[in-house]
Amino acid sequence: MIAYCGLHCDSCPIHLATLEQDEHKKLQLRTKISAILHDRYSMDLRPDEITDCDGCTLEHGRLFITCISCSVRNCVRNRQHDSCAYCTDYGCDKLQEVFADQPEARMELERLKKN
C-alpha cells in the first residue's frame, strides 16, 4: 500500500500497530510511536491517543490524526489523482516537505511516474 505522497504504509509504524492483533504488542508499538512523534515532530500524544490507520488512499478507512489533516492528501483528493506522481504540479512545496523528511517517498513517486 502506497500513500498519495509515495510513503509505504506497510512500513509505517502506525499502520503496523493497526494490524497487530495482540493488544499488549499493540500498546508496546503505540508507546514507541508516541516517543518517536515526540522526538521527531514535537507531538505530545499518549499511546492511547495513537489511533488506527488503514492508509490515506482508502475511501472509508480509519486515519491517524496527521493523515486526516495532511495537506498532500487533501490536495490529491481534491484534484482527483491516484497519486502525487500524476499531478501537473508534481514536486510542489507540499511534497518538498515530505521529501525532506522521507526521501524514499520521492523515489517511489519517481518510479510511479515512469510507469
Protein backbone atom coordinates (compact mmCIF):
# COMPACT_ATOMS: atom_id res chain seq x y z
CA MET A 1 0.00 0.00 0.00
CA ILE A 2 1.45 3.34 -1.07
CA ALA A 3 0.23 6.69 0.24
CA TYR A 4 -0.54 9.54 -2.15
CA CYS A 5 2.82 11.14 -1.31
CA GLY A 6 4.82 7.97 -2.01
CA LEU A 7 5.26 6.67 1.53
CA HIS A 8 4.86 2.93 2.02
CA CYS A 9 2.09 2.21 4.52
CA ASP A 10 3.43 -1.30 5.04
CA SER A 11 6.49 0.16 6.77
CA CYS A 12 4.61 2.83 8.75
CA PRO A 13 4.69 2.05 12.49
CA ILE A 14 1.18 3.44 12.95
CA HIS A 15 -0.21 1.16 10.25
CA LEU A 16 1.76 -1.80 11.65
CA ALA A 17 0.25 -1.14 15.09
CA THR A 18 -3.18 -1.10 13.45
CA LEU A 19 -2.56 -4.56 12.01
CA GLU A 20 -1.27 -6.00 15.31
CA GLN A 21 -3.78 -8.42 16.84
CA ASP A 22 -2.10 -8.84 20.22
CA GLU A 23 -3.27 -5.94 22.41
CA HIS A 24 -0.13 -6.00 24.56
CA LYS A 25 2.12 -5.76 21.49
CA LYS A 26 -0.15 -3.06 20.04
CA LEU A 27 0.30 -0.99 23.21
CA GLN A 28 4.08 -1.51 23.07
CA LEU A 29 4.12 -0.31 19.45
CA ARG A 30 1.99 2.71 20.28
CA THR A 31 4.29 3.58 23.19
CA LYS A 32 7.25 3.56 20.78
CA ILE A 33 5.27 5.63 18.25
CA SER A 34 4.42 8.16 20.94
CA ALA A 35 8.13 8.58 21.72
CA ILE A 36 9.04 8.88 18.01
CA LEU A 37 6.36 11.51 17.43
CA HIS A 38 7.61 13.46 20.43
CA ASP A 39 11.30 13.26 19.48
CA ARG A 40 10.93 13.79 15.76
CA TYR A 41 7.91 16.09 15.43
CA SER A 42 7.42 17.55 18.94
CA MET A 43 3.98 15.96 19.11
CA ASP A 44 2.76 15.04 22.55
CA LEU A 45 0.38 12.11 22.14
CA ARG A 46 -0.10 9.42 24.73
CA PRO A 47 -0.06 5.83 23.47
CA ASP A 48 -3.85 5.63 23.91
CA GLU A 49 -4.19 8.65 21.59
CA ILE A 50 -2.39 6.86 18.75
CA THR A 51 -5.33 5.82 16.60
CA ASP A 52 -5.55 3.12 13.98
CA CYS A 53 -4.78 3.96 10.35
CA ASP A 54 -5.72 1.86 7.34
CA GLY A 55 -3.91 4.11 4.85
CA CYS A 56 -4.77 7.51 3.41
CA THR A 57 -5.88 6.28 0.00
CA LEU A 58 -8.81 4.25 1.27
CA GLU A 59 -12.17 5.91 0.81
CA HIS A 60 -13.67 4.77 4.11
CA GLY A 61 -10.71 3.65 6.23
CA ARG A 62 -9.54 4.75 9.65
CA LEU A 63 -6.96 7.54 9.61
CA PHE A 64 -4.33 8.74 12.05
CA ILE A 65 -4.82 12.36 13.11
CA THR A 66 -1.98 13.72 10.96
CA CYS A 67 -3.30 11.84 7.92
CA ILE A 68 -6.73 13.42 8.32
CA SER A 69 -5.27 16.93 8.17
CA CYS A 70 -2.47 16.15 5.68
CA SER A 71 -2.25 18.91 3.07
CA VAL A 72 -0.85 16.48 0.49
CA ARG A 73 -3.70 14.03 0.98
CA ASN A 74 -6.32 16.76 0.80
CA CYS A 75 -4.75 18.23 -2.34
CA VAL A 76 -4.57 14.89 -4.18
CA ARG A 77 -8.15 14.04 -3.28
CA ASN A 78 -9.39 17.48 -4.37
CA ARG A 79 -7.58 17.10 -7.70
CA GLN A 80 -8.89 13.53 -8.03
CA HIS A 81 -5.50 11.95 -8.72
CA ASP A 82 -4.42 8.47 -7.68
CA SER A 83 -1.06 9.82 -6.51
CA CYS A 84 1.06 12.95 -6.49
CA ALA A 85 3.07 11.30 -9.25
CA TYR A 86 0.27 12.08 -11.72
CA CYS A 87 -0.17 15.74 -10.80
CA THR A 88 0.90 18.56 -13.12
CA ASP A 89 2.29 20.35 -10.05
CA TYR A 90 4.44 17.35 -9.09
CA GLY A 91 7.26 18.43 -6.79
CA CYS A 92 5.21 21.23 -5.21
CA ASP A 93 6.11 22.78 -1.86
CA LYS A 94 3.83 20.35 -0.01
CA LEU A 95 5.72 17.40 -1.45
CA GLN A 96 9.11 19.01 -0.82
CA GLU A 97 8.30 18.95 2.90
CA VAL A 98 7.55 15.22 2.70
CA PHE A 99 10.70 14.56 0.64
CA ALA A 100 12.88 16.46 3.13
CA ASP A 101 11.67 14.18 5.92
CA GLN A 102 11.13 10.97 3.94
CA PRO A 103 13.38 10.87 0.83
CA GLU A 104 12.19 7.37 -0.05
CA ALA A 105 8.80 8.89 -0.91
CA ARG A 106 10.41 10.79 -3.81
CA MET A 107 11.94 7.57 -5.15
CA GLU A 108 8.57 5.83 -5.06
CA LEU A 109 6.78 8.67 -6.84
CA GLU A 110 9.52 8.83 -9.47
CA ARG A 111 9.04 5.09 -10.03
CA LEU A 112 5.29 5.62 -10.45
CA LYS A 113 5.84 8.49 -12.89
CA LYS A 114 7.98 6.26 -15.12
CA ASN A 115 5.35 3.51 -15.29
